[in-house]
């Protein structure tokens, strides 16, 4: 049996991932990725950057948004800096878990466009995972084919017919602050 590692996309994925790791008796860690944000709508991601510096763009969306190469480059530079800052923060609490030879379950609180989830799955694969499973509570049906490209299995608990945002699936959608995220990571490491 392969070792199982649950990787949570911070911050929202941390409490979800901690519960999944606890239920599976798996190692737990964060996977740091950052969405590349549209200048006019920061919630709309046109790609993502991973902790290893890998950038993935949604070329169709970049074109639809009319983004210039300079705009894309500026956002990439900003998001790479954000990833580095996040890594420093999380690694101060918990060193990276080795993914070599592991079955990795990537978890978030939900998926909207899929950019961050795709990048997290690719990052797990580049880290040596032998199998990658993406598990999220909610996502639009439209993103599943793009997620199937990067994960061996995709588990989505709810795909509302009229998906608006991840928070619609939650009774009380609270944004975690850094202190809560770090505490969740530290507590889960002590238990696991």
N, C-alpha and C. Protein backbone atom coordinates (compact mmCIF):
# COMPACT_ATOMS: atom_id res chain seq x y z
N UNK A 1 0.83 -1.19 0.00
CA UNK A 1 0.00 0.00 0.00
C UNK A 1 0.87 1.25 0.00
N UNK A 2 0.53 2.18 -0.87
CA UNK A 2 1.29 3.42 -0.97
C UNK A 2 0.93 4.35 0.19
N UNK A 3 1.89 5.14 0.56
CA UNK A 3 1.69 6.17 1.59
C UNK A 3 0.74 7.22 1.01
N UNK A 4 -0.16 7.74 1.84
CA UNK A 4 -1.12 8.76 1.41
C UNK A 4 -0.75 10.10 2.05
N UNK A 5 -0.74 11.14 1.23
CA UNK A 5 -0.48 12.50 1.70
C UNK A 5 -1.64 13.37 1.24
N UNK A 6 -2.22 14.12 2.17
CA UNK A 6 -3.25 15.09 1.82
C UNK A 6 -2.58 16.45 1.73
N UNK A 7 -2.75 17.10 0.58
CA UNK A 7 -2.23 18.45 0.37
C UNK A 7 -3.41 19.41 0.30
N UNK A 8 -3.42 20.39 1.19
CA UNK A 8 -4.50 21.37 1.20
C UNK A 8 -4.03 22.66 0.53
N UNK A 9 -4.92 23.25 -0.25
CA UNK A 9 -4.65 24.55 -0.86
C UNK A 9 -5.07 25.61 0.16
N UNK A 10 -4.09 26.37 0.69
CA UNK A 10 -4.44 27.36 1.71
C UNK A 10 -5.13 28.59 1.09
N UNK A 11 -5.88 29.29 1.87
CA UNK A 11 -6.12 29.03 3.26
C UNK A 11 -7.38 28.19 3.43
N UNK A 12 -8.36 28.40 2.59
CA UNK A 12 -9.65 27.74 2.76
C UNK A 12 -9.62 26.23 2.75
N UNK A 13 -8.65 25.66 2.03
CA UNK A 13 -8.56 24.21 1.95
C UNK A 13 -7.98 23.56 3.19
N UNK A 14 -7.38 24.36 4.07
CA UNK A 14 -6.73 23.78 5.25
C UNK A 14 -7.69 23.05 6.20
N UNK A 15 -8.80 23.66 6.62
CA UNK A 15 -9.68 22.90 7.52
C UNK A 15 -10.32 21.69 6.83
N UNK A 16 -10.63 21.82 5.55
CA UNK A 16 -11.20 20.69 4.80
C UNK A 16 -10.16 19.58 4.69
N UNK A 17 -8.95 19.96 4.29
CA UNK A 17 -7.87 18.98 4.14
C UNK A 17 -7.48 18.32 5.45
N UNK A 18 -7.51 19.08 6.54
CA UNK A 18 -7.17 18.51 7.85
C UNK A 18 -8.15 17.40 8.23
N UNK A 19 -9.42 17.61 7.94
CA UNK A 19 -10.43 16.59 8.23
C UNK A 19 -10.25 15.36 7.34
N UNK A 20 -9.94 15.58 6.07
CA UNK A 20 -9.71 14.46 5.16
C UNK A 20 -8.49 13.66 5.62
N UNK A 21 -7.41 14.36 5.98
CA UNK A 21 -6.20 13.67 6.44
C UNK A 21 -6.47 12.88 7.72
N UNK A 22 -7.23 13.47 8.61
CA UNK A 22 -7.57 12.79 9.87
C UNK A 22 -8.37 11.52 9.57
N UNK A 23 -9.35 11.63 8.68
CA UNK A 23 -10.20 10.48 8.35
C UNK A 23 -9.41 9.36 7.67
N UNK A 24 -8.41 9.75 6.87
CA UNK A 24 -7.61 8.76 6.14
C UNK A 24 -6.39 8.28 6.93
N UNK A 25 -6.09 8.96 8.04
CA UNK A 25 -4.86 8.65 8.78
C UNK A 25 -3.64 8.97 7.94
N UNK A 26 -3.73 10.04 7.16
CA UNK A 26 -2.69 10.39 6.19
C UNK A 26 -1.81 11.52 6.69
N UNK A 27 -0.61 11.63 6.09
CA UNK A 27 0.23 12.79 6.32
C UNK A 27 -0.49 14.01 5.75
N UNK A 28 -0.18 15.19 6.29
CA UNK A 28 -0.89 16.41 5.90
C UNK A 28 0.10 17.52 5.64
N UNK A 29 -0.15 18.28 4.58
CA UNK A 29 0.71 19.42 4.24
C UNK A 29 -0.09 20.41 3.41
N UNK A 30 0.53 21.53 3.15
CA UNK A 30 -0.06 22.54 2.26
C UNK A 30 0.60 22.44 0.90
N UNK A 31 -0.12 22.85 -0.11
CA UNK A 31 0.44 23.01 -1.45
C UNK A 31 0.18 24.47 -1.82
N UNK A 32 1.26 25.22 -1.95
CA UNK A 32 1.12 26.66 -2.15
C UNK A 32 1.07 26.99 -3.63
N UNK A 33 -0.06 27.51 -4.04
CA UNK A 33 -0.27 28.00 -5.40
C UNK A 33 -1.00 29.33 -5.27
N UNK A 34 -0.90 30.13 -6.30
CA UNK A 34 -1.62 31.39 -6.31
C UNK A 34 -2.27 31.58 -7.66
N UNK A 35 -3.52 32.01 -7.60
CA UNK A 35 -4.29 32.32 -8.80
C UNK A 35 -3.73 33.58 -9.44
N UNK A 36 -3.66 33.60 -10.77
CA UNK A 36 -3.33 34.81 -11.52
C UNK A 36 -4.65 35.54 -11.74
N UNK A 37 -4.75 36.75 -11.19
CA UNK A 37 -6.03 37.45 -11.10
C UNK A 37 -6.25 38.41 -12.27
N UNK A 38 -7.47 38.41 -12.74
CA UNK A 38 -7.87 39.38 -13.76
C UNK A 38 -7.83 40.78 -13.16
N UNK A 39 -7.31 41.77 -13.90
CA UNK A 39 -7.23 43.13 -13.35
C UNK A 39 -8.60 43.72 -12.98
N UNK A 40 -9.64 43.34 -13.71
CA UNK A 40 -10.97 43.91 -13.47
C UNK A 40 -11.83 43.09 -12.52
N UNK A 41 -11.41 41.84 -12.28
CA UNK A 41 -12.15 40.96 -11.38
C UNK A 41 -11.17 40.01 -10.71
N UNK A 42 -10.65 40.39 -9.54
CA UNK A 42 -9.63 39.58 -8.88
C UNK A 42 -10.06 38.15 -8.55
N UNK A 43 -11.37 37.90 -8.51
CA UNK A 43 -11.85 36.54 -8.25
C UNK A 43 -11.74 35.65 -9.48
N UNK A 44 -11.60 36.27 -10.64
CA UNK A 44 -11.50 35.52 -11.90
C UNK A 44 -10.04 35.21 -12.18
N UNK A 45 -9.69 33.94 -12.17
CA UNK A 45 -8.31 33.54 -12.40
C UNK A 45 -8.07 33.17 -13.85
N UNK A 46 -6.99 33.70 -14.42
CA UNK A 46 -6.63 33.34 -15.79
C UNK A 46 -5.43 32.40 -15.83
N UNK A 47 -5.14 31.80 -14.69
CA UNK A 47 -4.03 30.87 -14.58
C UNK A 47 -3.60 30.79 -13.13
N UNK A 48 -2.45 30.16 -12.92
CA UNK A 48 -1.94 30.02 -11.56
C UNK A 48 -0.43 29.79 -11.60
N UNK A 49 0.21 30.09 -10.47
CA UNK A 49 1.64 29.86 -10.31
C UNK A 49 1.82 28.95 -9.09
N UNK A 50 2.77 28.02 -9.21
CA UNK A 50 3.02 27.07 -8.13
C UNK A 50 4.26 27.40 -7.34
N UNK A 51 4.43 26.70 -6.23
CA UNK A 51 5.57 26.92 -5.34
C UNK A 51 6.90 26.65 -6.01
N UNK A 52 6.89 25.85 -7.08
CA UNK A 52 8.13 25.57 -7.80
C UNK A 52 8.36 26.56 -8.94
N UNK A 53 7.53 27.61 -9.01
CA UNK A 53 7.69 28.64 -10.03
C UNK A 53 7.00 28.34 -11.35
N UNK A 54 6.40 27.16 -11.47
CA UNK A 54 5.71 26.80 -12.71
C UNK A 54 4.47 27.67 -12.88
N UNK A 55 4.29 28.21 -14.09
CA UNK A 55 3.14 29.05 -14.40
C UNK A 55 2.28 28.34 -15.43
N UNK A 56 0.99 28.31 -15.16
CA UNK A 56 0.03 27.78 -16.13
C UNK A 56 -0.96 28.88 -16.46
N UNK A 57 -1.13 29.15 -17.76
CA UNK A 57 -2.06 30.18 -18.21
C UNK A 57 -3.24 29.54 -18.93
N UNK A 58 -4.40 30.15 -18.77
CA UNK A 58 -5.58 29.80 -19.56
C UNK A 58 -5.55 30.75 -20.75
N UNK A 59 -4.92 30.30 -21.85
CA UNK A 59 -4.72 31.18 -23.00
C UNK A 59 -6.04 31.72 -23.55
N UNK A 60 -7.07 30.89 -23.52
CA UNK A 60 -8.38 31.33 -24.01
C UNK A 60 -8.88 32.51 -23.19
N UNK A 61 -8.77 32.41 -21.87
CA UNK A 61 -9.24 33.47 -20.99
C UNK A 61 -8.36 34.72 -21.10
N UNK A 62 -7.06 34.52 -21.22
CA UNK A 62 -6.15 35.66 -21.40
C UNK A 62 -6.57 36.45 -22.64
N UNK A 63 -6.89 35.73 -23.71
CA UNK A 63 -7.33 36.36 -24.95
C UNK A 63 -8.68 37.05 -24.77
N UNK A 64 -9.63 36.35 -24.16
CA UNK A 64 -10.97 36.92 -23.94
C UNK A 64 -10.91 38.19 -23.10
N UNK A 65 -10.02 38.21 -22.12
CA UNK A 65 -9.88 39.37 -21.24
C UNK A 65 -9.09 40.50 -21.90
N UNK A 66 -8.45 40.20 -23.03
CA UNK A 66 -7.66 41.21 -23.73
C UNK A 66 -6.42 41.62 -22.96
N UNK A 67 -5.85 40.69 -22.20
CA UNK A 67 -4.67 41.02 -21.40
C UNK A 67 -3.43 41.11 -22.28
N UNK A 68 -2.61 42.11 -22.01
CA UNK A 68 -1.36 42.27 -22.74
C UNK A 68 -0.28 41.41 -22.08
N UNK A 69 0.78 41.09 -22.82
CA UNK A 69 1.88 40.35 -22.20
C UNK A 69 2.44 41.06 -20.97
N UNK A 70 2.49 42.39 -20.99
CA UNK A 70 2.98 43.14 -19.83
C UNK A 70 2.07 42.95 -18.62
N UNK A 71 0.75 42.94 -18.84
CA UNK A 71 -0.18 42.72 -17.74
C UNK A 71 -0.02 41.32 -17.15
N UNK A 72 0.12 40.35 -18.03
CA UNK A 72 0.30 38.96 -17.57
C UNK A 72 1.60 38.85 -16.79
N UNK A 73 2.68 39.40 -17.35
CA UNK A 73 3.99 39.33 -16.68
C UNK A 73 3.96 39.99 -15.31
N UNK A 74 3.32 41.15 -15.21
CA UNK A 74 3.25 41.87 -13.93
C UNK A 74 2.51 41.05 -12.89
N UNK A 75 1.42 40.41 -13.30
CA UNK A 75 0.66 39.58 -12.36
C UNK A 75 1.46 38.35 -11.95
N UNK A 76 2.19 37.76 -12.89
CA UNK A 76 3.02 36.60 -12.56
C UNK A 76 4.08 36.98 -11.53
N UNK A 77 4.75 38.11 -11.74
CA UNK A 77 5.78 38.56 -10.79
C UNK A 77 5.17 38.77 -9.41
N UNK A 78 4.00 39.42 -9.36
CA UNK A 78 3.33 39.66 -8.08
C UNK A 78 2.94 38.36 -7.39
N UNK A 79 2.40 37.42 -8.14
CA UNK A 79 1.94 36.16 -7.56
C UNK A 79 3.10 35.25 -7.15
N UNK A 80 4.21 35.29 -7.89
CA UNK A 80 5.39 34.52 -7.49
C UNK A 80 5.88 35.03 -6.13
N UNK A 81 5.89 36.35 -5.96
CA UNK A 81 6.28 36.93 -4.67
C UNK A 81 5.32 36.49 -3.57
N UNK A 82 4.02 36.45 -3.89
CA UNK A 82 3.02 36.01 -2.90
C UNK A 82 3.23 34.54 -2.53
N UNK A 83 3.56 33.71 -3.50
CA UNK A 83 3.83 32.29 -3.24
C UNK A 83 5.04 32.16 -2.31
N UNK A 84 6.10 32.90 -2.61
CA UNK A 84 7.31 32.84 -1.78
C UNK A 84 7.02 33.26 -0.34
N UNK A 85 6.20 34.30 -0.19
CA UNK A 85 5.82 34.78 1.15
C UNK A 85 5.02 33.70 1.89
N UNK A 86 4.07 33.08 1.21
CA UNK A 86 3.25 32.02 1.81
C UNK A 86 4.11 30.83 2.21
N UNK A 87 5.03 30.44 1.32
CA UNK A 87 5.90 29.31 1.62
C UNK A 87 6.70 29.56 2.89
N UNK A 88 7.26 30.76 2.99
CA UNK A 88 8.04 31.11 4.18
C UNK A 88 7.18 31.02 5.44
N UNK A 89 5.95 31.52 5.33
CA UNK A 89 5.02 31.49 6.46
C UNK A 89 4.71 30.05 6.89
N UNK A 90 4.30 29.22 5.94
CA UNK A 90 3.89 27.85 6.27
C UNK A 90 5.08 26.97 6.66
N UNK A 91 6.20 27.14 6.00
CA UNK A 91 7.36 26.30 6.32
C UNK A 91 7.96 26.67 7.67
N UNK A 92 7.62 27.85 8.19
CA UNK A 92 8.03 28.20 9.54
C UNK A 92 7.31 27.35 10.59
N UNK A 93 6.16 26.79 10.21
CA UNK A 93 5.35 25.97 11.11
C UNK A 93 5.57 24.49 10.86
N UNK A 94 5.72 24.13 9.57
CA UNK A 94 5.80 22.71 9.22
C UNK A 94 6.66 22.51 7.98
N UNK A 95 7.70 21.70 8.07
CA UNK A 95 8.52 21.42 6.89
C UNK A 95 7.71 20.64 5.85
N UNK A 96 8.16 20.71 4.61
CA UNK A 96 7.46 20.03 3.52
C UNK A 96 7.46 18.52 3.73
N UNK A 97 6.36 17.89 3.36
CA UNK A 97 6.24 16.43 3.38
C UNK A 97 6.74 15.91 2.04
N UNK A 98 7.53 14.85 2.06
CA UNK A 98 8.03 14.24 0.83
C UNK A 98 6.88 13.57 0.10
N UNK A 99 6.71 13.92 -1.18
CA UNK A 99 5.63 13.35 -1.98
C UNK A 99 6.08 12.16 -2.82
N UNK A 100 7.38 11.89 -2.84
CA UNK A 100 7.92 10.81 -3.66
C UNK A 100 7.25 9.48 -3.37
N UNK A 101 6.65 8.88 -4.40
CA UNK A 101 6.02 7.58 -4.29
C UNK A 101 4.68 7.56 -3.58
N UNK A 102 4.15 8.72 -3.22
CA UNK A 102 2.91 8.78 -2.46
C UNK A 102 1.68 8.91 -3.35
N UNK A 103 0.56 8.48 -2.81
CA UNK A 103 -0.75 8.82 -3.38
C UNK A 103 -1.12 10.15 -2.73
N UNK A 104 -1.33 11.17 -3.55
CA UNK A 104 -1.59 12.50 -3.03
C UNK A 104 -3.05 12.88 -3.28
N UNK A 105 -3.70 13.33 -2.22
CA UNK A 105 -5.07 13.83 -2.32
C UNK A 105 -4.99 15.35 -2.16
N UNK A 106 -5.28 16.07 -3.24
CA UNK A 106 -5.28 17.53 -3.21
C UNK A 106 -6.68 17.98 -2.81
N UNK A 107 -6.76 18.85 -1.79
CA UNK A 107 -8.05 19.27 -1.25
C UNK A 107 -8.12 20.79 -1.19
N UNK A 108 -9.27 21.32 -1.54
CA UNK A 108 -9.55 22.75 -1.35
C UNK A 108 -10.97 22.87 -0.83
N UNK A 109 -11.37 24.11 -0.49
CA UNK A 109 -12.74 24.31 -0.02
C UNK A 109 -13.73 24.34 -1.17
N UNK A 110 -13.23 24.34 -2.38
CA UNK A 110 -14.05 24.34 -3.58
C UNK A 110 -13.25 24.83 -4.76
N UNK A 111 -13.81 24.67 -5.95
CA UNK A 111 -13.14 25.09 -7.18
C UNK A 111 -14.09 26.00 -7.93
N UNK A 112 -13.58 27.12 -8.43
CA UNK A 112 -14.38 28.01 -9.27
C UNK A 112 -13.95 27.84 -10.73
N UNK A 113 -12.74 28.30 -11.06
CA UNK A 113 -12.26 28.19 -12.44
C UNK A 113 -11.37 26.97 -12.65
N UNK A 114 -10.76 26.48 -11.58
CA UNK A 114 -9.92 25.30 -11.67
C UNK A 114 -8.44 25.57 -11.80
N UNK A 115 -8.04 26.82 -11.98
CA UNK A 115 -6.63 27.13 -12.17
C UNK A 115 -5.74 26.73 -11.01
N UNK A 116 -6.14 27.08 -9.80
CA UNK A 116 -5.34 26.73 -8.63
C UNK A 116 -5.32 25.23 -8.39
N UNK A 117 -6.46 24.59 -8.56
CA UNK A 117 -6.54 23.14 -8.36
C UNK A 117 -5.68 22.41 -9.38
N UNK A 118 -5.72 22.85 -10.63
CA UNK A 118 -4.88 22.24 -11.67
C UNK A 118 -3.40 22.37 -11.30
N UNK A 119 -3.02 23.58 -10.92
CA UNK A 119 -1.62 23.84 -10.58
C UNK A 119 -1.19 22.99 -9.39
N UNK A 120 -2.07 22.85 -8.39
CA UNK A 120 -1.75 22.04 -7.22
C UNK A 120 -1.55 20.57 -7.60
N UNK A 121 -2.40 20.07 -8.48
CA UNK A 121 -2.26 18.67 -8.93
C UNK A 121 -0.96 18.48 -9.70
N UNK A 122 -0.65 19.42 -10.57
CA UNK A 122 0.60 19.34 -11.34
C UNK A 122 1.81 19.43 -10.42
N UNK A 123 1.73 20.27 -9.41
CA UNK A 123 2.82 20.42 -8.45
C UNK A 123 3.04 19.11 -7.69
N UNK A 124 1.95 18.45 -7.31
CA UNK A 124 2.06 17.15 -6.63
C UNK A 124 2.72 16.13 -7.54
N UNK A 125 2.33 16.13 -8.80
CA UNK A 125 2.91 15.19 -9.77
C UNK A 125 4.41 15.48 -9.94
N UNK A 126 4.76 16.76 -10.09
CA UNK A 126 6.18 17.13 -10.24
C UNK A 126 6.97 16.80 -8.97
N UNK A 127 6.27 16.73 -7.82
CA UNK A 127 6.91 16.40 -6.55
C UNK A 127 7.12 14.91 -6.35
N UNK A 128 6.68 14.10 -7.31
CA UNK A 128 6.93 12.66 -7.23
C UNK A 128 5.73 11.79 -6.87
N UNK A 129 4.53 12.37 -6.80
CA UNK A 129 3.34 11.57 -6.49
C UNK A 129 3.12 10.52 -7.57
N UNK A 130 2.76 9.31 -7.16
CA UNK A 130 2.49 8.24 -8.13
C UNK A 130 1.03 8.26 -8.56
N UNK A 131 0.20 8.89 -7.76
CA UNK A 131 -1.23 9.02 -8.09
C UNK A 131 -1.71 10.32 -7.46
N UNK A 132 -2.54 11.06 -8.21
CA UNK A 132 -3.07 12.32 -7.71
C UNK A 132 -4.59 12.28 -7.78
N UNK A 133 -5.20 12.57 -6.64
CA UNK A 133 -6.66 12.63 -6.54
C UNK A 133 -7.02 14.04 -6.10
N UNK A 134 -7.94 14.67 -6.81
CA UNK A 134 -8.44 15.98 -6.40
C UNK A 134 -9.79 15.77 -5.74
N UNK A 135 -9.95 16.29 -4.53
CA UNK A 135 -11.20 16.13 -3.79
C UNK A 135 -11.66 17.49 -3.27
N UNK A 136 -12.84 17.91 -3.72
CA UNK A 136 -13.39 19.20 -3.30
C UNK A 136 -14.88 19.07 -3.01
N UNK A 137 -15.38 19.89 -2.09
CA UNK A 137 -16.80 19.83 -1.78
C UNK A 137 -17.69 20.34 -2.91
N UNK A 138 -17.22 21.35 -3.66
CA UNK A 138 -18.08 21.98 -4.66
C UNK A 138 -17.26 22.50 -5.84
N UNK A 139 -17.83 22.38 -7.03
CA UNK A 139 -17.22 22.92 -8.24
C UNK A 139 -18.28 22.93 -9.34
N UNK A 140 -18.14 23.83 -10.31
CA UNK A 140 -19.07 23.80 -11.44
C UNK A 140 -18.79 22.59 -12.33
N UNK A 141 -19.82 22.08 -12.95
CA UNK A 141 -19.65 20.92 -13.84
C UNK A 141 -18.65 21.21 -14.95
N UNK A 142 -18.61 22.45 -15.39
CA UNK A 142 -17.79 22.82 -16.55
C UNK A 142 -16.29 22.63 -16.33
N UNK A 143 -15.81 22.60 -15.09
CA UNK A 143 -14.37 22.48 -14.86
C UNK A 143 -13.88 21.04 -14.78
N UNK A 144 -14.78 20.10 -14.62
CA UNK A 144 -14.35 18.72 -14.41
C UNK A 144 -13.46 18.18 -15.53
N UNK A 145 -13.78 18.43 -16.81
CA UNK A 145 -12.89 17.92 -17.87
C UNK A 145 -11.46 18.46 -17.78
N UNK A 146 -11.29 19.72 -17.40
CA UNK A 146 -9.93 20.27 -17.29
C UNK A 146 -9.21 19.70 -16.07
N UNK A 147 -9.96 19.33 -15.05
CA UNK A 147 -9.34 18.74 -13.86
C UNK A 147 -8.97 17.28 -14.11
N UNK A 148 -9.78 16.59 -14.92
CA UNK A 148 -9.47 15.20 -15.29
C UNK A 148 -8.14 15.09 -16.03
N UNK A 149 -7.71 16.18 -16.67
CA UNK A 149 -6.44 16.18 -17.40
C UNK A 149 -5.24 16.09 -16.48
N UNK A 150 -5.38 16.55 -15.23
CA UNK A 150 -4.23 16.64 -14.33
C UNK A 150 -4.32 15.73 -13.11
N UNK A 151 -5.48 15.14 -12.88
CA UNK A 151 -5.67 14.25 -11.72
C UNK A 151 -6.11 12.88 -12.21
N UNK A 152 -5.67 11.85 -11.50
CA UNK A 152 -6.09 10.49 -11.84
C UNK A 152 -7.56 10.27 -11.50
N UNK A 153 -8.00 10.90 -10.43
CA UNK A 153 -9.41 10.86 -10.03
C UNK A 153 -9.81 12.24 -9.55
N UNK A 154 -11.05 12.62 -9.85
CA UNK A 154 -11.60 13.89 -9.38
C UNK A 154 -12.88 13.58 -8.62
N UNK A 155 -12.93 14.02 -7.36
CA UNK A 155 -14.11 13.81 -6.52
C UNK A 155 -14.69 15.18 -6.19
N UNK A 156 -15.90 15.43 -6.69
CA UNK A 156 -16.62 16.67 -6.43
C UNK A 156 -17.94 16.29 -5.78
N UNK A 157 -18.15 16.72 -4.55
CA UNK A 157 -19.36 16.32 -3.83
C UNK A 157 -20.62 16.99 -4.35
N UNK A 158 -20.49 18.25 -4.80
CA UNK A 158 -21.66 18.98 -5.28
C UNK A 158 -21.28 19.83 -6.49
N UNK A 159 -22.07 19.71 -7.55
CA UNK A 159 -21.90 20.54 -8.75
C UNK A 159 -23.24 21.20 -9.05
N UNK A 160 -23.52 22.33 -8.41
CA UNK A 160 -24.81 22.98 -8.61
C UNK A 160 -25.04 23.34 -10.08
N UNK A 161 -26.29 23.19 -10.51
CA UNK A 161 -26.63 23.53 -11.90
C UNK A 161 -26.32 24.99 -12.19
N UNK A 162 -26.56 25.84 -11.21
CA UNK A 162 -26.25 27.26 -11.38
C UNK A 162 -25.15 27.64 -10.40
N UNK A 163 -23.92 27.33 -10.78
CA UNK A 163 -22.77 27.62 -9.92
C UNK A 163 -22.42 29.10 -10.04
N UNK A 164 -22.34 29.78 -8.90
CA UNK A 164 -21.96 31.18 -8.89
C UNK A 164 -20.60 31.38 -8.24
N UNK A 165 -20.42 30.76 -7.08
CA UNK A 165 -19.16 30.89 -6.34
C UNK A 165 -19.08 29.76 -5.32
N UNK A 166 -17.86 29.50 -4.86
CA UNK A 166 -17.64 28.42 -3.90
C UNK A 166 -18.47 28.62 -2.64
N UNK A 167 -18.60 29.86 -2.19
CA UNK A 167 -19.29 30.11 -0.92
C UNK A 167 -20.77 29.74 -0.93
N UNK A 168 -21.37 29.56 -2.11
CA UNK A 168 -22.79 29.22 -2.15
C UNK A 168 -23.06 27.83 -1.57
N UNK A 169 -22.03 27.01 -1.46
CA UNK A 169 -22.20 25.64 -0.95
C UNK A 169 -22.09 25.57 0.57
N UNK A 170 -21.80 26.70 1.20
CA UNK A 170 -21.56 26.71 2.64
C UNK A 170 -22.64 27.51 3.37
N UNK A 171 -23.05 27.00 4.52
CA UNK A 171 -23.99 27.72 5.36
C UNK A 171 -23.29 28.94 5.97
N UNK A 172 -22.03 28.75 6.38
CA UNK A 172 -21.25 29.83 7.00
C UNK A 172 -19.85 29.79 6.41
N UNK A 173 -19.63 30.60 5.38
CA UNK A 173 -18.34 30.59 4.67
C UNK A 173 -17.44 31.66 5.26
N UNK A 174 -16.56 31.23 6.16
CA UNK A 174 -15.66 32.15 6.86
C UNK A 174 -14.29 32.08 6.22
N UNK A 175 -13.73 33.23 5.87
CA UNK A 175 -12.38 33.28 5.33
C UNK A 175 -11.39 33.15 6.49
N UNK A 176 -10.50 32.17 6.40
CA UNK A 176 -9.48 32.00 7.44
C UNK A 176 -8.43 33.10 7.34
N UNK A 177 -7.96 33.57 8.49
CA UNK A 177 -6.81 34.47 8.46
C UNK A 177 -5.54 33.61 8.62
N UNK A 178 -4.39 34.26 8.50
CA UNK A 178 -3.13 33.52 8.58
C UNK A 178 -2.96 32.76 9.89
N UNK A 179 -3.36 33.39 11.00
CA UNK A 179 -3.20 32.73 12.31
C UNK A 179 -4.01 31.44 12.37
N UNK A 180 -5.25 31.49 11.87
CA UNK A 180 -6.09 30.28 11.86
C UNK A 180 -5.50 29.21 10.95
N UNK A 181 -5.01 29.64 9.80
CA UNK A 181 -4.43 28.69 8.84
C UNK A 181 -3.19 28.01 9.44
N UNK A 182 -2.33 28.79 10.05
CA UNK A 182 -1.12 28.24 10.66
C UNK A 182 -1.46 27.31 11.82
N UNK A 183 -2.46 27.68 12.61
CA UNK A 183 -2.88 26.83 13.73
C UNK A 183 -3.44 25.50 13.22
N UNK A 184 -4.22 25.55 12.15
CA UNK A 184 -4.77 24.33 11.57
C UNK A 184 -3.66 23.41 11.09
N UNK A 185 -2.67 23.98 10.41
CA UNK A 185 -1.55 23.19 9.91
C UNK A 185 -0.76 22.59 11.08
N UNK A 186 -0.43 23.42 12.06
CA UNK A 186 0.35 22.94 13.21
C UNK A 186 -0.40 21.86 13.99
N UNK A 187 -1.69 22.08 14.24
CA UNK A 187 -2.49 21.11 15.00
C UNK A 187 -2.59 19.78 14.25
N UNK A 188 -2.79 19.85 12.95
CA UNK A 188 -2.93 18.63 12.14
C UNK A 188 -1.63 17.85 12.09
N UNK A 189 -0.52 18.54 12.10
CA UNK A 189 0.78 17.87 12.10
C UNK A 189 1.01 17.14 13.42
N UNK A 190 0.53 17.72 14.54
CA UNK A 190 0.72 17.09 15.85
C UNK A 190 -0.13 15.84 15.98
N UNK A 191 -1.34 15.87 15.40
CA UNK A 191 -2.25 14.72 15.47
C UNK A 191 -1.75 13.61 14.57
N UNK A 192 -1.41 13.99 13.28
CA UNK A 192 -1.06 12.98 12.29
C UNK A 192 0.29 12.41 12.54
